[in-house]
Amino acid sequence: VLNDSKMGKDQAEEIWKKNEPRLSENIDLFPKNCIYMRWNYYEPKTLGNLMAIDWFKSHDLKVMAVTAATMYPDVMLPRDNSHFQSIKDFCEVANEKKMDGILCTIWDDRSPHFETEWRGLYFFALFSWNYNDMNLEEANSLFRYRFYGPSLGGNSYEFQNKLETALNFWETALIEDRTEKRANYPKSIHLIELPDSSKPKAWAKKYNERVSMAKDELLRYTDIKRIIDKSEKSAQFNKYSLQVMSQINELQIYPSRLLLLLSSYDESASEIRT
C-alpha cells in the first residue's frame, strides 16, 4: 500500500490514519540503536513512502533510503535509463528529509557482467553525494564524459538507452506469449512455432507484426553498432566496457535475425508449392 503510486491522496491518508496508531502503540519494540531501511525501487515520492519516513523521524528513529541501479525485472542490462528517475527521486527525498543516508543496491543475478551496472551507480553517486537537480540528458552526457572521456560527452555518442530499448524485444521475440516478459525465473517458456511447409504463408501471417518489429530492431542494432564503434575510437578510458556493450548488442540481435530467416524460409516454401 505504501508504494502504490496510483492511490489518491485522500485514500492514502485514510489508510495511514487508520493503521498508524498500531505502529505507535508498539514504538517500544523498535530498538533505538537500529537504522531502519525504507526500500523503494520504483517511485519513492509516493505519499505512503513519505509518510513512513516522517513517522520514523518523528519518533527519533534513524531511517535510511534504499534505491537500486539494477532491479529484478532487468535482464542482461538495467532498463529505464539505468533507473535514472527513481535513483534521482530518492536521493532528492533523502536530502530534503535529512535521512540518515541512502543505499544503492545492485542484483548480480540479473546480468552476466558488472560493466552493465556502472551508469546506474554513477547516477547514484552524482545525486547522493551532493544533490543538485539535473535532467537525464545532462546526466548521461556527464557520465560518458567522465567514464569514457571528454570526447564522448556529446549527445551523438548516446547508445546505452538505445541498447536498453533493443533488449525489450530481445527478451520475448521468440516467446509465444510476449506477456511472459521478464518473468522471474519461469519454470517453462513456450516458444513460437516453426513454419510448416504444408501451410504456406500461415506462419508469416501469424507472426507478421513480430517480423516487422524484427526489421526495425535490425535498423536499431546497426545504429547502436555505429555509435559504439565510433565511441571505441574516441574513448580514453574504459574501452573494455564498450567492448562488453558491443557484444551485448551482437547477442540481442540474434532473435530478430532468426525471425527474418524464418520469414524468408516460409516465403520460399510458399513459392516452391506454387
Protein backbone atom coordinates (compact mmCIF):
# COMPACT_ATOMS: atom_id res chain seq x y z
CA VAL A 1 0.00 0.00 0.00
CA LEU A 2 2.79 2.42 0.89
CA ASN A 3 4.31 2.11 -2.58
CA ASP A 4 1.09 2.31 -4.63
CA SER A 5 1.57 5.38 -6.81
CA LYS A 6 -1.94 5.06 -8.25
CA MET A 7 -3.55 5.60 -4.87
CA GLY A 8 -5.11 9.00 -4.35
CA LYS A 9 -4.02 11.36 -1.58
CA ASP A 10 -7.27 11.04 0.38
CA GLN A 11 -7.23 7.24 0.29
CA ALA A 12 -3.58 7.05 1.29
CA GLU A 13 -4.12 9.42 4.21
CA GLU A 14 -7.19 7.47 5.33
CA ILE A 15 -5.27 4.16 5.34
CA TRP A 16 -2.37 5.79 7.18
CA LYS A 17 -4.68 7.37 9.78
CA LYS A 18 -6.33 4.01 10.40
CA ASN A 19 -3.13 1.99 10.76
CA GLU A 20 -0.56 4.42 12.15
CA PRO A 21 -1.77 4.03 15.78
CA ARG A 22 -0.85 0.34 15.64
CA LEU A 23 2.73 1.34 14.86
CA SER A 24 2.87 3.99 17.56
CA GLU A 25 1.42 1.63 20.18
CA ASN A 26 4.40 -0.65 19.61
CA ILE A 27 7.05 2.03 19.44
CA ASP A 28 8.90 0.48 22.39
CA LEU A 29 9.54 -2.60 20.26
CA PHE A 30 11.63 -0.55 17.82
CA PRO A 31 15.28 -0.55 19.03
CA LYS A 32 16.75 2.94 19.10
CA ASN A 33 20.20 1.74 18.04
CA CYS A 34 18.98 0.40 14.66
CA ILE A 35 18.89 2.13 11.29
CA TYR A 36 15.58 1.39 9.57
CA MET A 37 15.62 0.96 5.81
CA ARG A 38 12.95 2.39 3.52
CA TRP A 39 13.13 0.24 0.39
CA ASN A 40 11.55 1.78 -2.69
CA TYR A 41 12.99 0.97 -6.09
CA TYR A 42 10.37 2.49 -8.35
CA GLU A 43 8.52 5.58 -7.11
CA PRO A 44 9.97 6.86 -3.83
CA LYS A 45 7.87 10.03 -3.91
CA THR A 46 4.63 8.13 -3.26
CA LEU A 47 2.73 9.66 -0.35
CA GLY A 48 2.78 6.47 1.69
CA ASN A 49 6.54 6.19 1.47
CA LEU A 50 6.98 9.82 2.51
CA MET A 51 4.61 9.39 5.47
CA ALA A 52 6.53 6.31 6.62
CA ILE A 53 9.80 8.25 6.55
CA ASP A 54 8.22 11.08 8.53
CA TRP A 55 6.90 8.58 11.09
CA PHE A 56 10.37 7.17 11.75
CA LYS A 57 11.86 10.63 12.12
CA SER A 58 9.04 11.86 14.38
CA HIS A 59 9.90 9.04 16.79
CA ASP A 60 13.62 9.80 16.74
CA LEU A 61 14.44 6.62 14.83
CA LYS A 62 17.21 6.60 12.28
CA VAL A 63 15.89 5.91 8.78
CA MET A 64 17.86 5.29 5.62
CA ALA A 65 16.71 5.24 1.98
CA VAL A 66 17.31 2.30 -0.35
CA THR A 67 17.26 2.58 -4.13
CA ALA A 68 18.66 0.34 -6.89
CA ALA A 69 20.81 0.52 -10.00
CA THR A 70 19.56 -2.93 -11.04
CA MET A 71 16.15 -4.43 -10.28
CA TYR A 72 14.83 -7.97 -10.54
CA PRO A 73 12.94 -7.47 -13.87
CA ASP A 74 16.16 -6.31 -15.56
CA VAL A 75 17.67 -8.96 -17.80
CA MET A 76 21.13 -8.51 -19.33
CA LEU A 77 21.12 -4.73 -18.85
CA PRO A 78 19.35 -2.31 -16.46
CA ARG A 79 16.34 -0.55 -18.01
CA ASP A 80 14.53 2.77 -17.70
CA ASN A 81 17.69 4.77 -18.42
CA SER A 82 19.59 2.78 -15.79
CA HIS A 83 16.77 3.69 -13.38
CA PHE A 84 17.76 7.33 -13.52
CA GLN A 85 14.45 8.78 -12.30
CA SER A 86 13.90 6.50 -9.30
CA ILE A 87 17.51 6.95 -8.14
CA LYS A 88 17.31 10.72 -8.55
CA ASP A 89 13.94 10.96 -6.77
CA PHE A 90 15.00 9.02 -3.69
CA CYS A 91 18.25 10.99 -3.43
CA GLU A 92 16.16 14.17 -3.51
CA VAL A 93 13.83 12.82 -0.81
CA ALA A 94 16.78 11.72 1.36
CA ASN A 95 18.32 15.17 1.04
CA GLU A 96 15.13 17.12 1.75
CA LYS A 97 14.12 14.98 4.73
CA LYS A 98 17.67 14.76 6.05
CA MET A 99 17.55 10.97 6.23
CA ASP A 100 20.40 9.01 7.78
CA GLY A 101 21.99 8.14 4.45
CA ILE A 102 20.98 6.30 1.29
CA LEU A 103 22.00 2.89 -0.03
CA CYS A 104 22.11 1.74 -3.67
CA THR A 105 21.67 -1.98 -4.35
CA ILE A 106 22.57 -4.00 -7.42
CA TRP A 107 21.48 -7.57 -8.12
CA ASP A 108 24.24 -9.59 -9.75
CA ASP A 109 21.93 -12.40 -10.88
CA ARG A 110 20.32 -10.08 -13.45
CA SER A 111 23.29 -9.57 -15.75
CA PRO A 112 26.32 -11.60 -16.81
CA HIS A 113 28.69 -8.68 -16.39
CA PHE A 114 29.35 -5.96 -13.83
CA GLU A 115 30.18 -3.45 -16.58
CA THR A 116 26.44 -3.08 -17.16
CA GLU A 117 25.99 -1.55 -13.71
CA TRP A 118 28.29 1.45 -13.91
CA ARG A 119 25.89 4.04 -15.30
CA GLY A 120 23.27 3.50 -12.59
CA LEU A 121 25.96 3.61 -9.91
CA TYR A 122 27.28 6.84 -11.40
CA PHE A 123 23.79 8.37 -11.27
CA PHE A 124 23.56 7.34 -7.62
CA ALA A 125 26.92 8.93 -6.79
CA LEU A 126 26.01 12.06 -8.75
CA PHE A 127 22.81 12.69 -6.79
CA SER A 128 23.58 11.19 -3.39
CA TRP A 129 26.87 12.93 -2.57
CA ASN A 130 25.69 16.45 -3.28
CA TYR A 131 22.14 16.60 -4.64
CA ASN A 132 21.55 19.06 -7.48
CA ASP A 133 18.67 18.91 -9.92
CA MET A 134 19.70 17.66 -13.37
CA ASN A 135 17.81 16.19 -16.31
CA LEU A 136 18.54 12.84 -17.94
CA GLU A 137 20.31 14.22 -20.99
CA GLU A 138 22.72 16.25 -18.84
CA ALA A 139 23.41 13.31 -16.53
CA ASN A 140 24.06 10.94 -19.43
CA SER A 141 26.41 13.44 -21.00
CA LEU A 142 28.35 13.79 -17.74
CA PHE A 143 28.54 10.01 -17.35
CA ARG A 144 30.01 9.49 -20.81
CA TYR A 145 32.36 12.48 -20.36
CA ARG A 146 33.77 11.15 -17.09
CA PHE A 147 33.57 7.40 -17.71
CA TYR A 148 34.80 7.22 -21.30
CA GLY A 149 36.48 10.59 -21.80
CA PRO A 150 35.63 14.20 -22.77
CA SER A 151 35.23 13.33 -26.46
CA LEU A 152 32.12 11.23 -25.72
CA GLY A 153 30.19 13.95 -23.90
CA GLY A 154 28.10 14.90 -26.94
CA ASN A 155 24.61 13.51 -27.46
CA SER A 156 25.65 11.78 -30.68
CA TYR A 157 27.51 9.23 -28.53
CA GLU A 158 24.42 8.08 -26.59
CA PHE A 159 23.98 4.36 -27.26
CA GLN A 160 23.07 2.79 -23.92
CA ASN A 161 19.44 3.96 -23.91
CA LYS A 162 19.06 2.55 -27.44
CA LEU A 163 20.54 -0.75 -26.28
CA GLU A 164 18.18 -0.90 -23.28
CA THR A 165 15.25 -0.42 -25.65
CA ALA A 166 16.53 -3.11 -28.02
CA LEU A 167 16.70 -5.63 -25.19
CA ASN A 168 12.97 -5.25 -24.55
CA PHE A 169 12.28 -7.01 -27.88
CA TRP A 170 15.17 -9.46 -27.49
CA GLU A 171 13.70 -10.78 -24.24
CA THR A 172 10.46 -12.02 -25.76
CA ALA A 173 10.96 -12.09 -29.53
CA LEU A 174 10.84 -15.90 -29.66
CA ILE A 175 8.32 -16.43 -26.86
CA GLU A 176 4.78 -17.30 -27.92
CA ASP A 177 3.07 -15.18 -25.29
CA ARG A 178 5.01 -11.94 -25.05
CA THR A 179 3.18 -11.07 -21.80
CA GLU A 180 5.59 -13.52 -20.15
CA LYS A 181 8.09 -10.67 -20.43
CA ARG A 182 10.61 -10.54 -17.61
CA ALA A 183 9.04 -13.39 -15.65
CA ASN A 184 11.26 -14.10 -12.67
CA TYR A 185 12.92 -17.46 -13.32
CA PRO A 186 9.98 -19.10 -15.18
CA LYS A 187 9.67 -22.89 -14.90
CA SER A 188 8.86 -23.18 -18.60
CA ILE A 189 8.98 -20.99 -21.70
CA HIS A 190 6.65 -21.53 -24.66
CA LEU A 191 8.50 -20.75 -27.87
CA ILE A 192 6.90 -19.67 -31.14
CA GLU A 193 6.00 -22.21 -33.82
CA LEU A 194 8.25 -23.06 -36.75
CA PRO A 195 6.99 -22.59 -40.32
CA ASP A 196 5.06 -25.54 -41.74
CA SER A 197 5.82 -26.12 -45.43
CA SER A 198 2.38 -27.72 -45.86
CA LYS A 199 0.73 -24.45 -44.81
CA PRO A 200 2.39 -21.78 -46.94
CA LYS A 201 2.40 -18.24 -45.53
CA ALA A 202 0.44 -19.29 -42.41
CA TRP A 203 3.50 -18.64 -40.22
CA ALA A 204 4.17 -15.26 -41.86
CA LYS A 205 0.58 -14.22 -41.32
CA LYS A 206 0.57 -15.27 -37.66
CA TYR A 207 3.86 -13.54 -36.83
CA ASN A 208 3.63 -10.63 -39.26
CA GLU A 209 3.81 -7.97 -36.53
CA ARG A 210 6.79 -9.66 -34.92
CA VAL A 211 8.68 -9.88 -38.20
CA SER A 212 8.01 -6.19 -38.80
CA MET A 213 9.41 -5.40 -35.37
CA ALA A 214 12.48 -7.53 -36.13
CA LYS A 215 13.17 -5.37 -39.20
CA ASP A 216 13.01 -2.26 -37.01
CA GLU A 217 15.34 -3.86 -34.50
CA LEU A 218 17.87 -4.62 -37.22
CA LEU A 219 18.00 -0.90 -38.01
CA ARG A 220 18.38 -0.08 -34.30
CA TYR A 221 21.16 -2.67 -33.97
CA THR A 222 23.03 -1.08 -36.88
CA ASP A 223 22.72 2.37 -35.30
CA ILE A 224 23.95 1.10 -31.92
CA LYS A 225 26.89 -0.67 -33.55
CA ARG A 226 27.83 2.51 -35.43
CA ILE A 227 27.82 4.59 -32.24
CA ILE A 228 29.78 2.04 -30.19
CA ASP A 229 32.37 1.66 -32.95
CA LYS A 230 32.73 5.46 -33.07
CA SER A 231 32.97 5.57 -29.27
CA GLU A 232 35.74 2.96 -29.15
CA LYS A 233 37.84 5.12 -31.46
CA SER A 234 37.36 8.27 -29.35
CA ALA A 235 37.28 6.85 -25.78
CA GLN A 236 40.21 7.49 -23.44
CA PHE A 237 39.02 5.26 -20.59
CA ASN A 238 37.02 2.07 -20.02
CA LYS A 239 37.20 0.75 -23.56
CA TYR A 240 36.59 -2.70 -22.14
CA SER A 241 33.13 -1.57 -21.06
CA LEU A 242 32.41 -0.53 -24.65
CA GLN A 243 33.55 -3.95 -25.84
CA VAL A 244 31.10 -5.59 -23.43
CA MET A 245 28.28 -3.37 -24.69
CA SER A 246 29.23 -4.24 -28.26
CA GLN A 247 28.93 -7.96 -27.52
CA ILE A 248 25.56 -7.43 -25.82
CA ASN A 249 24.41 -5.70 -28.98
CA GLU A 250 25.56 -8.67 -31.08
CA LEU A 251 23.71 -11.02 -28.76
CA GLN A 252 20.45 -9.10 -28.65
CA ILE A 253 20.01 -9.03 -32.44
CA TYR A 254 20.06 -12.83 -32.78
CA PRO A 255 16.28 -13.38 -32.28
CA SER A 256 15.48 -10.66 -34.83
CA ARG A 257 17.77 -12.21 -37.41
CA LEU A 258 16.28 -15.64 -36.71
CA LEU A 259 12.74 -14.31 -37.20
CA LEU A 260 13.73 -12.79 -40.54
CA LEU A 261 15.32 -16.08 -41.64
CA LEU A 262 12.18 -18.00 -40.66
CA SER A 263 10.12 -15.49 -42.60
CA SER A 264 12.33 -15.99 -45.67
CA TYR A 265 12.01 -19.76 -45.32
CA ASP A 266 8.23 -19.52 -45.09
CA GLU A 267 8.14 -17.34 -48.20
CA SER A 268 10.45 -19.74 -50.07
CA ALA A 269 8.31 -22.73 -49.09
CA SER A 270 5.28 -20.89 -50.43
CA GLU A 271 6.99 -20.17 -53.76
CA ILE A 272 8.06 -23.81 -54.14
CA ARG A 273 4.47 -25.04 -53.62
CA THR A 274 3.10 -22.59 -56.19
